[in-house]
C-alpha atoms as a PDB file:
ATOM      1  CA  UNK A   1      23.707 -61.809   5.678  1.00  0.00           C
ATOM      2  CA  UNK A   2      24.932 -60.665   2.292  1.00  0.00           C
ATOM      3  CA  UNK A   3      28.570 -59.691   1.868  1.00  0.00           C
ATOM      4  CA  UNK A   4      27.865 -56.040   1.080  1.00  0.00           C
ATOM      5  CA  UNK A   5      25.495 -55.703   4.034  1.00  0.00           C
ATOM      6  CA  UNK A   6      28.113 -57.267   6.303  1.00  0.00           C
ATOM      7  CA  UNK A   7      30.767 -54.860   4.989  1.00  0.00           C
ATOM      8  CA  UNK A   8      28.412 -51.923   5.478  1.00  0.00           C
ATOM      9  CA  UNK A   9      27.699 -52.901   9.068  1.00  0.00           C
ATOM     10  CA  UNK A  10      31.400 -53.420   9.749  1.00  0.00           C
ATOM     11  CA  UNK A  11      32.131 -49.973   8.324  1.00  0.00           C
ATOM     12  CA  UNK A  12      29.500 -48.403  10.571  1.00  0.00           C
ATOM     13  CA  UNK A  13      30.950 -50.157  13.594  1.00  0.00           C
ATOM     14  CA  UNK A  14      34.393 -48.754  12.811  1.00  0.00           C
ATOM     15  CA  UNK A  15      33.214 -45.144  12.442  1.00  0.00           C
ATOM     16  CA  UNK A  16      33.750 -44.606  16.135  1.00  0.00           C
ATOM     17  CA  UNK A  17      32.253 -41.945  18.332  1.00  0.00           C
ATOM     18  CA  UNK A  18      31.808 -39.336  15.611  1.00  0.00           C
ATOM     19  CA  UNK A  19      28.209 -40.257  14.917  1.00  0.00           C
ATOM     20  CA  UNK A  20      25.555 -38.572  16.997  1.00  0.00           C
ATOM     21  CA  UNK A  21      22.470 -40.688  17.312  1.00  0.00           C
ATOM     22  CA  UNK A  22      19.115 -39.011  17.778  1.00  0.00           C
ATOM     23  CA  UNK A  23      15.805 -40.249  19.128  1.00  0.00           C
ATOM     24  CA  UNK A  24      17.134 -42.900  21.498  1.00  0.00           C
ATOM     25  CA  UNK A  25      15.265 -43.248  24.738  1.00  0.00           C
ATOM     26  CA  UNK A  26      17.643 -42.789  27.635  1.00  0.00           C
ATOM     27  CA  UNK A  27      16.400 -43.352  31.129  1.00  0.00           C
ATOM     28  CA  UNK A  28      18.321 -41.255  33.604  1.00  0.00           C
ATOM     29  CA  UNK A  29      19.185 -42.851  36.854  1.00  0.00           C
ATOM     30  CA  UNK A  30      18.576 -41.473  40.263  1.00  0.00           C
ATOM     31  CA  UNK A  31      20.759 -43.090  42.852  1.00  0.00           C
ATOM     32  CA  UNK A  32      18.602 -44.368  45.645  1.00  0.00           C
ATOM     33  CA  UNK A  33      21.582 -45.532  47.647  1.00  0.00           C
ATOM     34  CA  UNK A  34      24.858 -47.295  47.260  1.00  0.00           C
ATOM     35  CA  UNK A  35      24.187 -50.792  48.513  1.00  0.00           C
ATOM     36  CA  UNK A  36      25.303 -53.444  46.036  1.00  0.00           C
ATOM     37  CA  UNK A  37      23.502 -56.444  47.465  1.00  0.00           C
ATOM     38  CA  UNK A  38      20.400 -55.687  49.471  1.00  0.00           C
ATOM     39  CA  UNK A  39      18.023 -52.823  50.014  1.00  0.00           C
ATOM     40  CA  UNK A  40      16.680 -50.527  47.344  1.00  0.00           C
ATOM     41  CA  UNK A  41      19.918 -48.874  46.193  1.00  0.00           C
ATOM     42  CA  UNK A  42      20.890 -48.526  42.546  1.00  0.00           C
ATOM     43  CA  UNK A  43      23.203 -51.522  42.841  1.00  0.00           C
ATOM     44  CA  UNK A  44      20.759 -53.783  44.648  1.00  0.00           C
ATOM     45  CA  UNK A  45      19.467 -56.989  43.110  1.00  0.00           C
ATOM     46  CA  UNK A  46      15.864 -55.866  43.485  1.00  0.00           C
ATOM     47  CA  UNK A  47      16.494 -52.527  41.777  1.00  0.00           C
ATOM     48  CA  UNK A  48      18.459 -54.115  38.915  1.00  0.00           C
ATOM     49  CA  UNK A  49      15.843 -56.819  38.483  1.00  0.00           C
ATOM     50  CA  UNK A  50      13.229 -54.100  37.935  1.00  0.00           C
ATOM     51  CA  UNK A  51      15.455 -52.242  35.461  1.00  0.00           C
ATOM     52  CA  UNK A  52      16.252 -55.232  33.258  1.00  0.00           C
ATOM     53  CA  UNK A  53      12.625 -56.365  33.159  1.00  0.00           C
ATOM     54  CA  UNK A  54      11.078 -52.932  32.632  1.00  0.00           C
ATOM     55  CA  UNK A  55      11.781 -52.735  28.868  1.00  0.00           C
ATOM     56  CA  UNK A  56      12.209 -55.266  26.049  1.00  0.00           C
ATOM     57  CA  UNK A  57      15.751 -54.073  25.313  1.00  0.00           C
ATOM     58  CA  UNK A  58      17.997 -52.769  28.090  1.00  0.00           C
ATOM     59  CA  UNK A  59      21.628 -51.731  27.786  1.00  0.00           C
ATOM     60  CA  UNK A  60      24.060 -50.769  30.531  1.00  0.00           C
ATOM     61  CA  UNK A  61      26.869 -48.809  28.937  1.00  0.00           C
ATOM     62  CA  UNK A  62      29.625 -46.307  29.548  1.00  0.00           C
ATOM     63  CA  UNK A  63      28.190 -42.997  28.448  1.00  0.00           C
ATOM     64  CA  UNK A  64      24.930 -42.547  26.585  1.00  0.00           C
ATOM     65  CA  UNK A  65      23.709 -43.784  23.212  1.00  0.00           C
ATOM     66  CA  UNK A  66      24.248 -40.256  21.910  1.00  0.00           C
ATOM     67  CA  UNK A  67      27.768 -40.103  23.359  1.00  0.00           C
ATOM     68  CA  UNK A  68      29.240 -43.499  24.188  1.00  0.00           C
ATOM     69  CA  UNK A  69      32.356 -43.193  26.322  1.00  0.00           C
ATOM     70  CA  UNK A  70      34.123 -46.358  25.167  1.00  0.00           C
ATOM     71  CA  UNK A  71      34.500 -48.241  21.909  1.00  0.00           C
ATOM     72  CA  UNK A  72      32.623 -51.307  23.112  1.00  0.00           C
ATOM     73  CA  UNK A  73      29.629 -49.257  24.221  1.00  0.00           C
ATOM     74  CA  UNK A  74      29.745 -47.449  20.884  1.00  0.00           C
ATOM     75  CA  UNK A  75      29.762 -50.761  19.006  1.00  0.00           C
ATOM     76  CA  UNK A  76      26.671 -51.968  20.884  1.00  0.00           C
ATOM     77  CA  UNK A  77      24.856 -48.698  20.125  1.00  0.00           C
ATOM     78  CA  UNK A  78      25.808 -48.985  16.435  1.00  0.00           C
ATOM     79  CA  UNK A  79      24.633 -52.601  16.207  1.00  0.00           C
ATOM     80  CA  UNK A  80      21.274 -51.689  17.730  1.00  0.00           C
ATOM     81  CA  UNK A  81      21.062 -48.713  15.373  1.00  0.00           C
ATOM     82  CA  UNK A  82      21.710 -50.974  12.374  1.00  0.00           C
ATOM     83  CA  UNK A  83      18.717 -53.035  13.433  1.00  0.00           C
ATOM     84  CA  UNK A  84      16.586 -49.910  13.712  1.00  0.00           C
ATOM     85  CA  UNK A  85      16.277 -49.917  17.493  1.00  0.00           C
ATOM     86  CA  UNK A  86      15.682 -46.391  18.685  1.00  0.00           C
ATOM     87  CA  UNK A  87      13.540 -46.957  21.746  1.00  0.00           C
ATOM     88  CA  UNK A  88      15.420 -48.942  24.334  1.00  0.00           C
ATOM     89  CA  UNK A  89      16.421 -48.348  27.922  1.00  0.00           C
ATOM     90  CA  UNK A  90      20.025 -47.265  28.284  1.00  0.00           C
ATOM     91  CA  UNK A  91      21.731 -46.722  31.630  1.00  0.00           C
ATOM     92  CA  UNK A  92      25.029 -44.882  31.973  1.00  0.00           C
ATOM     93  CA  UNK A  93      27.103 -46.763  34.553  1.00  0.00           C
ATOM     94  CA  UNK A  94      29.619 -43.906  34.706  1.00  0.00           C
ATOM     95  CA  UNK A  95      27.033 -41.811  36.558  1.00  0.00           C
ATOM     96  CA  UNK A  96      26.680 -44.276  39.414  1.00  0.00           C
ATOM     97  CA  UNK A  97      29.505 -46.460  40.817  1.00  0.00           C
ATOM     98  CA  UNK A  98      26.973 -48.609  42.733  1.00  0.00           C
ATOM     99  CA  UNK A  99      25.110 -49.334  39.501  1.00  0.00           C
ATOM    100  CA  UNK A 100      28.365 -50.090  37.677  1.00  0.00           C
ATOM    101  CA  UNK A 101      29.422 -52.703  40.221  1.00  0.00           C
ATOM    102  CA  UNK A 102      25.888 -53.869  40.912  1.00  0.00           C
ATOM    103  CA  UNK A 103      25.149 -54.814  37.298  1.00  0.00           C
ATOM    104  CA  UNK A 104      28.412 -56.768  37.102  1.00  0.00           C
ATOM    105  CA  UNK A 105      27.434 -58.695  40.219  1.00  0.00           C
ATOM    106  CA  UNK A 106      23.835 -59.135  39.036  1.00  0.00           C
ATOM    107  CA  UNK A 107      24.852 -60.716  35.728  1.00  0.00           C
ATOM    108  CA  UNK A 108      28.045 -62.341  36.973  1.00  0.00           C
ATOM    109  CA  UNK A 109      29.673 -60.699  33.928  1.00  0.00           C
ATOM    110  CA  UNK A 110      32.772 -58.564  34.557  1.00  0.00           C
ATOM    111  CA  UNK A 111      32.512 -56.015  31.759  1.00  0.00           C
ATOM    112  CA  UNK A 112      30.351 -53.180  30.460  1.00  0.00           C
ATOM    113  CA  UNK A 113      28.402 -52.848  28.180  1.00  0.00           C
ATOM    114  CA  UNK A 114      25.755 -55.407  29.041  1.00  0.00           C
ATOM    115  CA  UNK A 115      22.673 -56.154  26.959  1.00  0.00           C
ATOM    116  CA  UNK A 116      19.376 -57.624  28.193  1.00  0.00           C
ATOM    117  CA  UNK A 117      16.547 -58.795  25.947  1.00  0.00           C
ATOM    118  CA  UNK A 118      13.174 -59.367  27.573  1.00  0.00           C
ATOM    119  CA  UNK A 119      14.758 -59.433  31.021  1.00  0.00           C
ATOM    120  CA  UNK A 120      17.376 -62.035  30.039  1.00  0.00           C
ATOM    121  CA  UNK A 121      21.096 -61.291  30.018  1.00  0.00           C
ATOM    122  CA  UNK A 122      22.501 -61.650  26.499  1.00  0.00           C
ATOM    123  CA  UNK A 123      26.107 -60.605  27.016  1.00  0.00           C
ATOM    124  CA  UNK A 124      28.464 -57.832  26.108  1.00  0.00           C
ATOM    125  CA  UNK A 125      29.723 -56.286  22.917  1.00  0.00           C
ATOM    126  CA  UNK A 126      31.454 -59.409  21.616  1.00  0.00           C
ATOM    127  CA  UNK A 127      28.365 -61.582  21.987  1.00  0.00           C
ATOM    128  CA  UNK A 128      26.027 -58.969  20.506  1.00  0.00           C
ATOM    129  CA  UNK A 129      28.404 -58.553  17.548  1.00  0.00           C
ATOM    130  CA  UNK A 130      28.497 -62.315  17.017  1.00  0.00           C
ATOM    131  CA  UNK A 131      24.684 -62.486  17.181  1.00  0.00           C
ATOM    132  CA  UNK A 132      24.492 -59.645  14.671  1.00  0.00           C
ATOM    133  CA  UNK A 133      26.929 -61.313  12.296  1.00  0.00           C
ATOM    134  CA  UNK A 134      25.302 -64.765  12.352  1.00  0.00           C
ATOM    135  CA  UNK A 135      21.708 -63.511  12.195  1.00  0.00           C
ATOM    136  CA  UNK A 136      20.714 -64.582  15.706  1.00  0.00           C
ATOM    137  CA  UNK A 137      19.997 -61.000  16.748  1.00  0.00           C
ATOM    138  CA  UNK A 138      17.345 -60.658  14.019  1.00  0.00           C
ATOM    139  CA  UNK A 139      15.669 -63.811  15.356  1.00  0.00           C
ATOM    140  CA  UNK A 140      15.852 -62.711  18.993  1.00  0.00           C
ATOM    141  CA  UNK A 141      14.364 -59.331  18.131  1.00  0.00           C
ATOM    142  CA  UNK A 142      11.598 -61.072  16.206  1.00  0.00           C
ATOM    143  CA  UNK A 143      10.719 -63.033  19.369  1.00  0.00           C
ATOM    144  CA  UNK A 144      10.257 -59.669  21.107  1.00  0.00           C
ATOM    145  CA  UNK A 145       7.977 -58.423  18.360  1.00  0.00           C
ATOM    146  CA  UNK A 146      10.672 -56.139  16.952  1.00  0.00           C
ATOM    147  CA  UNK A 147      11.333 -56.240  13.219  1.00  0.00           C
ATOM    148  CA  UNK A 148      14.988 -55.626  12.410  1.00  0.00           C
ATOM    149  CA  UNK A 149      15.617 -52.821   9.933  1.00  0.00           C
ATOM    150  CA  UNK A 150      18.212 -55.096   8.315  1.00  0.00           C
ATOM    151  CA  UNK A 151      15.383 -57.258   6.972  1.00  0.00           C
ATOM    152  CA  UNK A 152      13.954 -54.250   5.162  1.00  0.00           C
ATOM    153  CA  UNK A 153      17.393 -53.231   3.893  1.00  0.00           C
ATOM    154  CA  UNK A 154      17.988 -56.753   2.557  1.00  0.00           C
ATOM    155  CA  UNK A 155      14.555 -56.790   0.897  1.00  0.00           C
ATOM    156  CA  UNK A 156      15.276 -53.429  -0.762  1.00  0.00           C
ATOM    157  CA  UNK A 157      18.670 -54.666  -1.946  1.00  0.00           C
ATOM    158  CA  UNK A 158      17.208 -57.909  -3.304  1.00  0.00           C
ATOM    159  CA  UNK A 159      14.579 -56.009  -5.295  1.00  0.00           C
ATOM    160  CA  UNK A 160      17.225 -54.021  -7.181  1.00  0.00           C
END
């Protein structure tokens, strides 16, 4: 990634919550129960398995993409935005305590946000940021048939 593009992405990540993002697909959750291990509740393995495999890109975050409720969730939203992702499944864990604990148990990862690509757990904010910075996220999105907007931005910059 070029230096100026890296600085631009870093600047966007530091803008904080002030940016309202439009056009993001947000799936609202309906709590089917509160069981965190079995059954069909919002924290159950079966329910979470369906959620993470339903869409190519799935994010469990605090708040919504339009209004993230923590800096780490905001950073994940901004990284995805930089890559031009506007249609991904986002689940607000603050709306459902069973979902919040269930997704931590499901992934064996203690923190939120959590990102899944093609049903596979990627990690949290720190891992997504690292993948963004080293170019791995562009490659992973390409495997999903998603062209990163950063490729177009780089091409436009190179042509100038």
